[in-house]
């Protein structure tokens, strides 16, 4: 009965439109009080859920991303790629893809990347003849790379839940992120070629390209410093997040001089709001996971999944399908706390490498950011172009299919995800 109450309250609150974090927490609290599971655990669970050293990286990376956004680095990145590729067929679409790839390595957030890059490139794309819904779909889909290419908040959450090294997860996400980026750019090129989309009328000369590269160089340095420091063991991901804040502050205040000391207050407020939303979900999802564990819901769900098939590959396919469906309705962080406690014993039963599956898991969650009805990137892009979400989603279908194809490839060839962690000595052979 306690399991039934937990599930019933959760789904009812979801159906009436409550935020996922509230639904998770309320369902857990009702179950705790309803079956006298120990009300004192609510406060302890709330605080312990966010009192995690790896999770400290989340607000710091968010703050660094907000600073670089205010500094105008997204525009500098877009300008460089525009001069480099803008004239070729589908050039501006590919500019959007590569700008989202690099900006995603700075922001770690899909909606934030969609907004930052969309504000810069949507108008030029539409001006040069691109269908506005296609332009929105390209940027929305490319922005899902933000939670795959490190530093990734989704990897931090996954590592916190599973106790997998966040450093190893960051390094493991590099090759898959690049593969998805290349596949997305190729898809954008083929569609643009079929429709006759071109870009800017004049290609940048070498001097202009080098000048633009100089302006964008500070953006390229950020992920290099972060990943280089982690790769060489100079600092942990949490320490890297702090380093990225000071680096971003230096670039924004002293290099681009786009943020005044007085303006830092606005930056801190923006970063605090975003961090609070994430930590709100983390805290309440932690209570939900504890309640599900105490009531036996996790054990029963895990036993059910294990009993479906003795084949690990079939199991991974089924779990990926589940994640893709959940991604249509629930955000990535909530899915992590909702599903991973169940999947941990499943992975142990099938001897699935948790580091490798971390990349698969996060990639599946990334696809959910551009699938309706609750694709956050789609909503962000649709709002920017004042269009209907369904219209943008329709144009995103080819990109989603390509993402799923890459997900299958990553599932079949674990070495693509594990090569760099092994090379860095972060994972055994």
Protein backbone atom coordinates (compact mmCIF):
# COMPACT_ATOMS: atom_id res chain seq x y z
CA UNK A 1 0.00 0.00 0.00
CA UNK A 2 2.84 2.41 0.79
CA UNK A 3 4.28 1.90 -2.69
CA UNK A 4 0.86 2.46 -4.22
CA UNK A 5 0.38 5.69 -2.26
CA UNK A 6 3.82 6.97 -3.27
CA UNK A 7 3.16 6.32 -6.98
CA UNK A 8 -0.44 7.53 -6.88
CA UNK A 9 0.33 10.88 -5.22
CA UNK A 10 3.28 11.48 -7.56
CA UNK A 11 1.31 10.86 -10.76
CA UNK A 12 -1.73 12.85 -9.58
CA UNK A 13 0.44 15.87 -8.76
CA UNK A 14 2.18 15.56 -12.13
CA UNK A 15 -1.15 15.39 -13.96
CA UNK A 16 -2.46 18.55 -12.31
CA UNK A 17 0.62 20.43 -13.47
CA UNK A 18 2.82 20.76 -10.38
CA UNK A 19 6.56 21.14 -11.01
CA UNK A 20 8.37 17.81 -10.99
CA UNK A 21 10.45 18.70 -7.92
CA UNK A 22 7.36 19.57 -5.91
CA UNK A 23 5.59 16.39 -7.05
CA UNK A 24 8.51 14.21 -6.02
CA UNK A 25 8.87 15.85 -2.61
CA UNK A 26 5.14 15.98 -1.83
CA UNK A 27 4.64 12.32 -2.75
CA UNK A 28 7.49 11.34 -0.45
CA UNK A 29 6.25 13.50 2.45
CA UNK A 30 2.66 12.17 2.18
CA UNK A 31 3.97 8.59 2.19
CA UNK A 32 6.28 9.23 5.15
CA UNK A 33 3.47 10.70 7.26
CA UNK A 34 0.82 8.31 5.95
CA UNK A 35 2.73 5.20 7.01
CA UNK A 36 4.70 6.70 9.92
CA UNK A 37 8.09 6.04 8.35
CA UNK A 38 9.78 8.63 10.56
CA UNK A 39 9.04 12.28 9.92
CA UNK A 40 12.47 13.34 11.17
CA UNK A 41 14.07 11.83 8.10
CA UNK A 42 12.47 14.50 5.90
CA UNK A 43 14.70 17.29 7.17
CA UNK A 44 17.76 15.05 7.24
CA UNK A 45 17.08 13.80 3.71
CA UNK A 46 16.49 17.32 2.42
CA UNK A 47 19.85 18.59 3.67
CA UNK A 48 21.90 15.46 2.99
CA UNK A 49 20.58 15.33 -0.57
CA UNK A 50 22.39 18.55 -1.47
CA UNK A 51 25.27 18.31 1.03
CA UNK A 52 27.52 16.58 -1.46
CA UNK A 53 31.01 17.70 -2.43
CA UNK A 54 30.61 16.83 -6.15
CA UNK A 55 27.33 18.80 -6.27
CA UNK A 56 29.22 21.94 -5.22
CA UNK A 57 30.44 22.08 -8.81
CA UNK A 58 26.92 22.75 -10.10
CA UNK A 59 26.42 26.35 -8.84
CA UNK A 60 30.03 27.24 -9.68
CA UNK A 61 29.78 26.04 -13.29
CA UNK A 62 26.44 27.84 -13.62
CA UNK A 63 27.99 31.05 -12.29
CA UNK A 64 30.92 30.75 -14.71
CA UNK A 65 28.55 30.21 -17.62
CA UNK A 66 26.43 33.26 -16.71
CA UNK A 67 29.57 35.42 -16.47
CA UNK A 68 30.83 34.34 -19.89
CA UNK A 69 27.36 34.88 -21.34
CA UNK A 70 27.30 38.45 -20.02
CA UNK A 71 30.82 38.92 -21.35
CA UNK A 72 29.54 38.33 -24.89
CA UNK A 73 31.64 35.27 -25.68
CA UNK A 74 28.77 33.53 -27.48
CA UNK A 75 28.74 36.34 -30.05
CA UNK A 76 32.52 36.11 -30.47
CA UNK A 77 32.31 32.35 -31.05
CA UNK A 78 29.50 32.76 -33.58
CA UNK A 79 31.41 35.49 -35.41
CA UNK A 80 34.47 33.26 -35.82
CA UNK A 81 32.50 30.28 -37.19
CA UNK A 82 30.43 32.60 -39.39
CA UNK A 83 33.52 33.98 -41.11
CA UNK A 84 34.90 30.46 -41.44
CA UNK A 85 31.79 28.64 -42.73
CA UNK A 86 29.08 31.19 -43.34
CA UNK A 87 29.28 31.32 -47.11
CA UNK A 88 29.01 27.60 -47.91
CA UNK A 89 25.69 25.82 -48.40
CA UNK A 90 24.08 25.41 -45.00
CA UNK A 91 26.91 27.48 -43.58
CA UNK A 92 24.88 29.36 -40.98
CA UNK A 93 23.21 26.13 -39.84
CA UNK A 94 26.62 24.56 -39.29
CA UNK A 95 27.78 27.75 -37.58
CA UNK A 96 24.87 27.29 -35.17
CA UNK A 97 25.86 23.67 -34.49
CA UNK A 98 29.53 24.38 -33.79
CA UNK A 99 28.73 27.49 -31.75
CA UNK A 100 26.34 25.44 -29.60
CA UNK A 101 29.02 22.76 -29.19
CA UNK A 102 31.58 25.21 -27.88
CA UNK A 103 29.13 27.28 -25.87
CA UNK A 104 27.73 24.09 -24.34
CA UNK A 105 31.21 23.40 -23.00
CA UNK A 106 30.95 26.71 -21.17
CA UNK A 107 27.34 26.76 -19.97
CA UNK A 108 26.50 23.10 -19.27
CA UNK A 109 22.80 23.88 -19.79
CA UNK A 110 20.67 23.14 -22.86
CA UNK A 111 18.11 25.94 -22.45
CA UNK A 112 20.85 28.46 -21.61
CA UNK A 113 22.77 27.52 -24.76
CA UNK A 114 19.60 27.68 -26.87
CA UNK A 115 18.84 31.17 -25.56
CA UNK A 116 22.39 32.53 -25.86
CA UNK A 117 23.08 31.20 -29.36
CA UNK A 118 19.51 31.75 -30.56
CA UNK A 119 19.59 35.44 -29.73
CA UNK A 120 22.70 35.79 -31.90
CA UNK A 121 22.06 33.50 -34.89
CA UNK A 122 18.31 33.12 -35.37
CA UNK A 123 17.83 36.56 -36.94
CA UNK A 124 20.75 36.18 -39.42
CA UNK A 125 19.57 32.68 -40.38
CA UNK A 126 16.00 33.83 -41.06
CA UNK A 127 17.30 36.93 -42.88
CA UNK A 128 19.32 34.70 -45.24
CA UNK A 129 16.32 32.58 -46.19
CA UNK A 130 16.31 29.79 -43.61
CA UNK A 131 12.88 28.59 -42.49
CA UNK A 132 12.48 30.00 -38.99
CA UNK A 133 11.27 26.72 -37.52
CA UNK A 134 14.21 24.88 -39.07
CA UNK A 135 16.59 27.49 -37.66
CA UNK A 136 15.04 27.06 -34.22
CA UNK A 137 15.24 23.26 -34.51
CA UNK A 138 18.95 23.34 -35.44
CA UNK A 139 19.84 25.46 -32.42
CA UNK A 140 17.53 23.59 -30.04
CA UNK A 141 18.91 20.21 -31.06
CA UNK A 142 22.54 21.33 -31.10
CA UNK A 143 22.10 22.70 -27.59
CA UNK A 144 21.46 19.23 -26.19
CA UNK A 145 25.23 18.77 -26.52
CA UNK A 146 25.52 21.04 -23.47
CA UNK A 147 24.86 18.13 -21.10
CA UNK A 148 27.15 15.71 -22.96
CA UNK A 149 30.25 17.79 -23.67
CA UNK A 150 31.98 18.54 -20.35
CA UNK A 151 31.67 20.25 -18.00
CA UNK A 152 28.19 18.76 -17.73
CA UNK A 153 25.76 19.23 -14.86
CA UNK A 154 24.06 15.96 -15.86
CA UNK A 155 27.37 14.08 -15.43
CA UNK A 156 27.84 15.67 -12.02
CA UNK A 157 24.37 14.52 -10.95
CA UNK A 158 24.94 11.01 -12.34
CA UNK A 159 28.30 10.75 -10.58
CA UNK A 160 26.76 11.95 -7.32
CA UNK A 161 24.05 9.27 -7.46
CA UNK A 162 26.21 6.35 -8.63
CA UNK A 163 29.56 7.30 -6.99
CA UNK A 164 31.22 7.13 -10.41
CA UNK A 165 34.17 9.51 -10.84
CA UNK A 166 32.94 12.80 -12.27
CA UNK A 167 36.42 13.35 -13.74
CA UNK A 168 36.14 10.09 -15.66
CA UNK A 169 32.62 10.98 -16.81
CA UNK A 170 33.78 14.37 -18.08
CA UNK A 171 36.59 12.79 -20.10
CA UNK A 172 34.30 9.99 -21.35
CA UNK A 173 31.84 12.54 -22.74
CA UNK A 174 34.32 14.20 -25.11
CA UNK A 175 34.31 11.75 -28.03
CA UNK A 176 30.53 11.06 -27.90
CA UNK A 177 29.88 14.81 -27.81
CA UNK A 178 32.09 15.40 -30.84
CA UNK A 179 30.44 12.51 -32.73
CA UNK A 180 26.95 13.90 -32.10
CA UNK A 181 28.12 17.39 -33.07
CA UNK A 182 29.56 16.16 -36.37
CA UNK A 183 26.43 14.09 -37.09
CA UNK A 184 24.22 17.09 -36.36
CA UNK A 185 26.29 19.38 -38.60
CA UNK A 186 26.19 16.83 -41.43
CA UNK A 187 22.40 16.54 -41.09
CA UNK A 188 22.05 20.34 -41.15
CA UNK A 189 24.23 20.50 -44.27
CA UNK A 190 22.25 17.83 -46.15
CA UNK A 191 18.89 19.42 -45.35
CA UNK A 192 20.21 22.88 -46.23
CA UNK A 193 21.59 21.59 -49.53
CA UNK A 194 18.25 20.02 -50.40
CA UNK A 195 16.38 23.23 -49.60
CA UNK A 196 18.97 25.58 -51.09
CA UNK A 197 19.87 27.38 -47.86
CA UNK A 198 23.03 29.42 -48.13
CA UNK A 199 24.75 31.81 -45.78
CA UNK A 200 26.46 35.16 -45.81
CA UNK A 201 27.30 36.50 -49.26
CA UNK A 202 30.99 37.18 -48.59
CA UNK A 203 33.52 34.82 -47.08
CA UNK A 204 35.80 36.28 -44.45
CA UNK A 205 39.41 36.80 -45.48
CA UNK A 206 42.33 35.41 -43.49
CA UNK A 207 42.85 38.61 -41.54
CA UNK A 208 39.20 38.80 -40.48
CA UNK A 209 39.17 35.13 -39.49
CA UNK A 210 42.32 35.52 -37.39
CA UNK A 211 40.91 38.65 -35.72
CA UNK A 212 37.69 36.80 -34.91
CA UNK A 213 39.70 33.84 -33.61
CA UNK A 214 41.64 36.18 -31.34
CA UNK A 215 38.38 37.55 -29.94
CA UNK A 216 36.98 34.06 -29.38
CA UNK A 217 40.20 32.56 -28.09
CA UNK A 218 39.27 33.17 -24.46
CA UNK A 219 36.20 30.97 -25.00
CA UNK A 220 38.35 28.16 -26.43
CA UNK A 221 40.70 28.37 -23.45
CA UNK A 222 37.98 27.75 -20.85
CA UNK A 223 37.22 24.07 -21.59
CA UNK A 224 40.90 23.45 -22.29
CA UNK A 225 41.83 24.72 -18.82
CA UNK A 226 39.03 22.79 -17.13
CA UNK A 227 39.54 19.47 -18.92
CA UNK A 228 43.31 19.85 -18.97
CA UNK A 229 43.41 20.38 -15.23
CA UNK A 230 41.15 17.38 -14.60
CA UNK A 231 42.95 15.19 -17.16
CA UNK A 232 46.36 15.89 -15.61
CA UNK A 233 45.09 15.53 -12.05
CA UNK A 234 45.82 19.14 -11.08
CA UNK A 235 42.32 19.58 -9.67
CA UNK A 236 39.03 17.75 -9.19
CA UNK A 237 35.85 18.67 -11.11
CA UNK A 238 34.60 20.65 -8.11
CA UNK A 239 37.88 22.54 -7.90
CA UNK A 240 37.75 22.99 -11.68
CA UNK A 241 34.37 24.67 -11.27
CA UNK A 242 35.89 27.20 -8.86
CA UNK A 243 38.80 27.79 -11.25
CA UNK A 244 36.30 28.38 -14.07
CA UNK A 245 34.54 31.05 -12.00
CA UNK A 246 37.74 33.02 -11.44
CA UNK A 247 38.73 32.56 -15.09
CA UNK A 248 35.30 33.79 -16.24
CA UNK A 249 35.46 36.74 -13.85
CA UNK A 250 38.88 37.73 -15.20
CA UNK A 251 37.72 37.47 -18.84
CA UNK A 252 34.45 39.34 -18.27
CA UNK A 253 35.88 42.18 -16.17
CA UNK A 254 39.42 42.70 -17.45
CA UNK A 255 39.49 41.34 -21.03
CA UNK A 256 36.07 42.14 -22.51
CA UNK A 257 35.20 44.73 -19.85
CA UNK A 258 31.55 43.90 -20.39
CA UNK A 259 30.72 43.47 -16.71
CA UNK A 260 31.23 46.19 -14.15
CA UNK A 261 31.77 45.39 -10.50
CA UNK A 262 28.28 46.76 -9.86
CA UNK A 263 26.90 44.50 -12.59
CA UNK A 264 28.24 41.45 -10.81
CA UNK A 265 25.21 41.58 -8.54
CA UNK A 266 22.91 40.84 -11.50
CA UNK A 267 25.18 37.97 -12.53
CA UNK A 268 25.07 36.50 -9.02
CA UNK A 269 21.29 36.80 -8.90
CA UNK A 270 20.83 35.08 -12.28
CA UNK A 271 23.20 32.26 -11.32
CA UNK A 272 21.56 31.88 -7.89
CA UNK A 273 18.09 31.52 -9.38
CA UNK A 274 19.21 28.83 -11.84
CA UNK A 275 21.19 26.98 -9.15
CA UNK A 276 18.25 27.14 -6.74
CA UNK A 277 15.89 25.52 -9.25
CA UNK A 278 18.32 22.63 -9.76
CA UNK A 279 19.06 22.16 -6.06
CA UNK A 280 15.33 22.31 -5.27
CA UNK A 281 14.79 19.31 -7.55
CA UNK A 282 17.86 17.52 -6.17
CA UNK A 283 16.74 17.95 -2.55
CA UNK A 284 13.17 16.74 -3.04
CA UNK A 285 14.19 13.98 -5.45
CA UNK A 286 16.58 12.73 -2.78
CA UNK A 287 13.71 12.40 -0.29
CA UNK A 288 11.64 10.61 -2.93
CA UNK A 289 14.48 8.15 -3.63
CA UNK A 290 14.88 7.44 0.10
CA UNK A 291 11.15 6.83 0.50
CA UNK A 292 11.08 4.58 -2.55
CA UNK A 293 13.98 2.61 -1.11
CA UNK A 294 12.42 2.21 2.35
CA UNK A 295 9.07 1.11 0.94
CA UNK A 296 10.77 -1.46 -1.28
CA UNK A 297 9.69 0.21 -4.52
CA UNK A 298 13.23 0.35 -5.85
CA UNK A 299 13.99 -3.32 -5.11
CA UNK A 300 10.75 -4.48 -6.69
CA UNK A 301 11.19 -2.31 -9.76
CA UNK A 302 14.80 -3.49 -10.18
CA UNK A 303 13.77 -7.13 -9.80
CA UNK A 304 11.06 -6.65 -12.40
CA UNK A 305 13.50 -5.12 -14.89
CA UNK A 306 16.11 -7.84 -14.31
CA UNK A 307 13.46 -10.49 -14.89
CA UNK A 308 12.46 -9.15 -18.32
CA UNK A 309 15.44 -10.60 -20.18
CA UNK A 310 18.76 -12.29 -19.33
CA UNK A 311 20.47 -10.46 -22.22
CA UNK A 312 22.32 -7.28 -21.23
CA UNK A 313 22.02 -5.69 -24.69
CA UNK A 314 18.26 -6.20 -24.79
CA UNK A 315 18.09 -4.70 -21.31
CA UNK A 316 20.05 -1.62 -22.40
CA UNK A 317 17.78 -1.17 -25.44
CA UNK A 318 14.67 -1.33 -23.25
CA UNK A 319 16.12 1.09 -20.69
CA UNK A 320 17.12 3.52 -23.45
CA UNK A 321 13.57 3.40 -24.84
CA UNK A 322 12.25 4.12 -21.34
CA UNK A 323 14.60 7.09 -20.99
CA UNK A 324 13.58 8.48 -24.38
CA UNK A 325 9.91 8.27 -23.39
CA UNK A 326 10.52 9.81 -19.97
CA UNK A 327 12.51 12.58 -21.64
CA UNK A 328 9.35 13.67 -23.43
CA UNK A 329 7.71 14.56 -20.13
CA UNK A 330 10.35 15.04 -17.39
CA UNK A 331 13.58 17.06 -17.15
CA UNK A 332 16.97 15.34 -17.12
CA UNK A 333 17.82 15.91 -13.45
CA UNK A 334 14.47 14.56 -12.22
CA UNK A 335 14.81 11.49 -14.44
CA UNK A 336 18.26 10.85 -12.97
CA UNK A 337 16.95 10.77 -9.41
CA UNK A 338 13.79 8.91 -10.40
CA UNK A 339 15.42 6.16 -12.46
CA UNK A 340 19.07 5.72 -11.44
CA UNK A 341 18.40 4.29 -7.95
CA UNK A 342 16.47 1.53 -9.73
CA UNK A 343 19.10 1.04 -12.43
CA UNK A 344 22.09 0.74 -10.08
CA UNK A 345 21.19 -2.84 -8.94
CA UNK A 346 20.22 -3.66 -12.54
CA UNK A 347 23.68 -2.61 -13.78
CA UNK A 348 25.30 -4.73 -11.07
CA UNK A 349 23.17 -7.75 -11.99
CA UNK A 350 24.18 -7.50 -15.67
CA UNK A 351 27.79 -6.42 -14.95
CA UNK A 352 27.30 -3.19 -16.92
CA UNK A 353 30.16 -0.71 -16.68
CA UNK A 354 28.66 2.30 -14.81
CA UNK A 355 31.10 4.74 -16.44
CA UNK A 356 30.18 3.61 -19.95
CA UNK A 357 26.51 3.55 -19.14
CA UNK A 358 26.79 7.06 -17.68
CA UNK A 359 27.53 8.34 -21.19
CA UNK A 360 24.63 6.33 -22.65
CA UNK A 361 22.30 7.55 -19.91
CA UNK A 362 23.16 11.23 -20.30
CA UNK A 363 23.02 11.02 -24.11
CA UNK A 364 19.49 9.61 -23.89
CA UNK A 365 18.54 12.42 -21.50
CA UNK A 366 20.01 14.98 -23.90
CA UNK A 367 17.75 13.75 -26.69
CA UNK A 368 14.77 14.35 -24.40
CA UNK A 369 15.52 18.07 -24.40
CA UNK A 370 14.32 18.31 -28.01
CA UNK A 371 11.35 15.93 -27.93
CA UNK A 372 7.83 17.25 -27.29
CA UNK A 373 5.70 17.86 -25.34
CA UNK A 374 8.16 19.01 -22.66
CA UNK A 375 11.38 19.52 -24.62
CA UNK A 376 12.91 22.50 -22.82
CA UNK A 377 15.17 23.43 -25.72
CA UNK A 378 12.21 23.39 -28.12
CA UNK A 379 10.21 25.74 -25.89
CA UNK A 380 13.15 28.12 -25.59
CA UNK A 381 13.72 28.22 -29.37
CA UNK A 382 9.99 28.55 -30.13
CA UNK A 383 9.71 31.52 -27.77
CA UNK A 384 12.65 33.25 -29.46
CA UNK A 385 11.10 33.00 -32.93
CA UNK A 386 7.49 33.45 -31.71
CA UNK A 387 6.46 30.14 -33.21
CA UNK A 388 4.54 27.02 -32.20
CA UNK A 389 6.50 24.32 -30.37
CA UNK A 390 5.00 21.60 -32.59
CA UNK A 391 6.24 23.39 -35.71
CA UNK A 392 9.80 23.52 -34.36
CA UNK A 393 9.54 19.92 -33.15
CA UNK A 394 8.55 18.75 -36.63
CA UNK A 395 11.68 20.31 -38.11
CA UNK A 396 13.76 18.69 -35.35
CA UNK A 397 12.71 15.12 -36.25
CA UNK A 398 15.71 14.38 -38.57
CA UNK A 399 18.13 15.62 -35.91
CA UNK A 400 16.48 13.53 -33.18
CA UNK A 401 16.68 10.43 -35.39
CA UNK A 402 20.39 11.06 -36.00
CA UNK A 403 20.94 11.49 -32.25
CA UNK A 404 19.22 8.14 -31.63
CA UNK A 405 21.47 6.54 -34.28
CA UNK A 406 24.56 7.85 -32.47
CA UNK A 407 23.10 6.60 -29.17
CA UNK A 408 22.83 3.11 -30.71
CA UNK A 409 26.44 3.32 -31.94
CA UNK A 410 27.65 4.35 -28.48
CA UNK A 411 25.69 1.46 -26.98
CA UNK A 412 27.23 -1.08 -29.37
CA UNK A 413 30.81 0.24 -29.18
CA UNK A 414 31.73 1.01 -25.53
CA UNK A 415 35.29 1.84 -26.56
CA UNK A 416 34.15 5.17 -28.03
CA UNK A 417 33.26 6.34 -24.54
CA UNK A 418 35.99 4.54 -22.58
CA UNK A 419 39.03 5.25 -24.79
CA UNK A 420 39.95 8.63 -23.29
CA UNK A 421 39.27 7.66 -19.63
CA UNK A 422 41.54 4.63 -20.10
CA UNK A 423 44.17 6.78 -21.78
CA UNK A 424 44.02 9.21 -18.87
CA UNK A 425 44.27 6.40 -16.33
CA UNK A 426 40.78 7.16 -15.00
CA UNK A 427 39.35 3.75 -15.87
CA UNK A 428 40.71 0.21 -15.84
CA UNK A 429 41.20 -1.78 -19.03
